[in-house]
Amino acid sequence: MGCTAECEVLARKETSVFGGQIPRVGYTYTDYSIIGVPGDLPEGEYTVSFDGFTLSATCHRGYWLPRGRATRDDEAVPLAS
């Protein structure tokens, strides 16, 4: 069962230098808080999207707990075979 709702993500935006043969400067987000979520969403696992990033989060007893780091929507995520 999928649920969709509007919310706000408060996060610290940090500049990062990404390695490789040609280093490039970009940014990432850390220290997430998820607020303004409707109170009637069921507990469970969610995917939160903001500013071209995606973050996994868990809703437990009305608290939103971010899990892991946010990834850019254009990052390729390899699937396990």
Protein backbone atom coordinates (compact mmCIF):
# COMPACT_ATOMS: atom_id res chain seq x y z
CA MET A 1 0.00 0.00 0.00
CA GLY A 2 1.53 3.33 -1.00
CA CYS A 3 0.89 6.67 0.66
CA THR A 4 1.82 10.09 -0.63
CA ALA A 5 1.81 13.25 1.47
CA GLU A 6 3.39 16.68 1.57
CA CYS A 7 6.00 17.41 4.25
CA GLU A 8 9.07 19.55 4.88
CA VAL A 9 12.64 18.34 5.21
CA LEU A 10 15.02 20.44 7.25
CA ALA A 11 18.61 19.55 6.40
CA ARG A 12 22.11 20.94 6.46
CA LYS A 13 23.46 21.51 2.96
CA GLU A 14 27.19 20.81 2.73
CA THR A 15 29.60 21.40 -0.12
CA SER A 16 31.49 18.27 -1.13
CA VAL A 17 34.34 17.46 -3.50
CA PHE A 18 33.65 14.25 -5.38
CA GLY A 19 36.71 12.22 -6.39
CA GLY A 20 37.71 10.54 -9.56
CA GLN A 21 40.20 11.56 -12.19
CA ILE A 22 38.46 14.90 -12.56
CA PRO A 23 37.31 16.09 -9.12
CA ARG A 24 34.07 18.04 -9.10
CA VAL A 25 32.41 20.15 -6.46
CA GLY A 26 28.83 19.44 -5.52
CA TYR A 27 26.72 19.29 -2.41
CA THR A 28 25.03 16.81 -0.15
CA TYR A 29 22.65 17.00 2.80
CA THR A 30 23.10 15.88 6.41
CA ASP A 31 21.27 16.21 9.77
CA TYR A 32 17.72 15.60 8.56
CA SER A 33 14.45 16.47 10.28
CA ILE A 34 11.12 15.61 8.69
CA ILE A 35 8.26 17.87 9.78
CA GLY A 36 4.75 18.87 8.76
CA VAL A 37 3.66 15.31 7.99
CA PRO A 38 -0.08 14.58 8.30
CA GLY A 39 -0.75 12.71 11.55
CA ASP A 40 -2.91 10.05 9.91
CA LEU A 41 -0.11 8.34 7.96
CA PRO A 42 0.45 4.76 9.14
CA GLU A 43 3.69 3.68 10.78
CA GLY A 44 6.25 2.10 8.49
CA GLU A 45 8.97 2.71 5.94
CA TYR A 46 8.80 5.71 3.60
CA THR A 47 10.80 7.35 0.85
CA VAL A 48 11.09 11.12 1.18
CA SER A 49 12.09 13.22 -1.85
CA PHE A 50 13.42 16.79 -1.72
CA ASP A 51 15.56 19.05 -3.92
CA GLY A 52 16.56 16.20 -6.26
CA PHE A 53 17.49 13.87 -3.38
CA THR A 54 15.79 10.80 -1.91
CA LEU A 55 15.95 9.72 1.73
CA SER A 56 14.65 6.59 3.46
CA ALA A 57 12.75 7.20 6.70
CA THR A 58 10.69 5.31 9.24
CA CYS A 59 7.57 6.59 10.94
CA HIS A 60 7.33 5.13 14.46
CA ARG A 61 4.82 6.38 17.05
CA GLY A 62 4.51 9.67 15.22
CA TYR A 63 8.26 10.28 15.07
CA TRP A 64 10.11 10.40 11.76
CA LEU A 65 13.52 8.75 11.82
CA PRO A 66 15.75 9.28 8.76
CA ARG A 67 17.77 6.19 7.81
CA GLY A 68 21.10 6.43 6.03
CA ARG A 69 22.18 9.21 3.76
CA ALA A 70 20.22 11.00 1.10
CA THR A 71 21.11 10.02 -2.44
CA ARG A 72 20.82 12.15 -5.55
CA ASP A 73 17.95 11.06 -7.76
CA ASP A 74 20.37 10.74 -10.68
CA GLU A 75 22.75 8.35 -8.83
CA ALA A 76 22.54 4.87 -10.25
CA VAL A 77 21.63 2.35 -7.58
CA PRO A 78 22.81 -1.16 -8.55
CA LEU A 79 20.28 -3.90 -7.98
CA ALA A 80 21.35 -7.14 -6.33
CA SER A 81 20.98 -10.16 -8.56
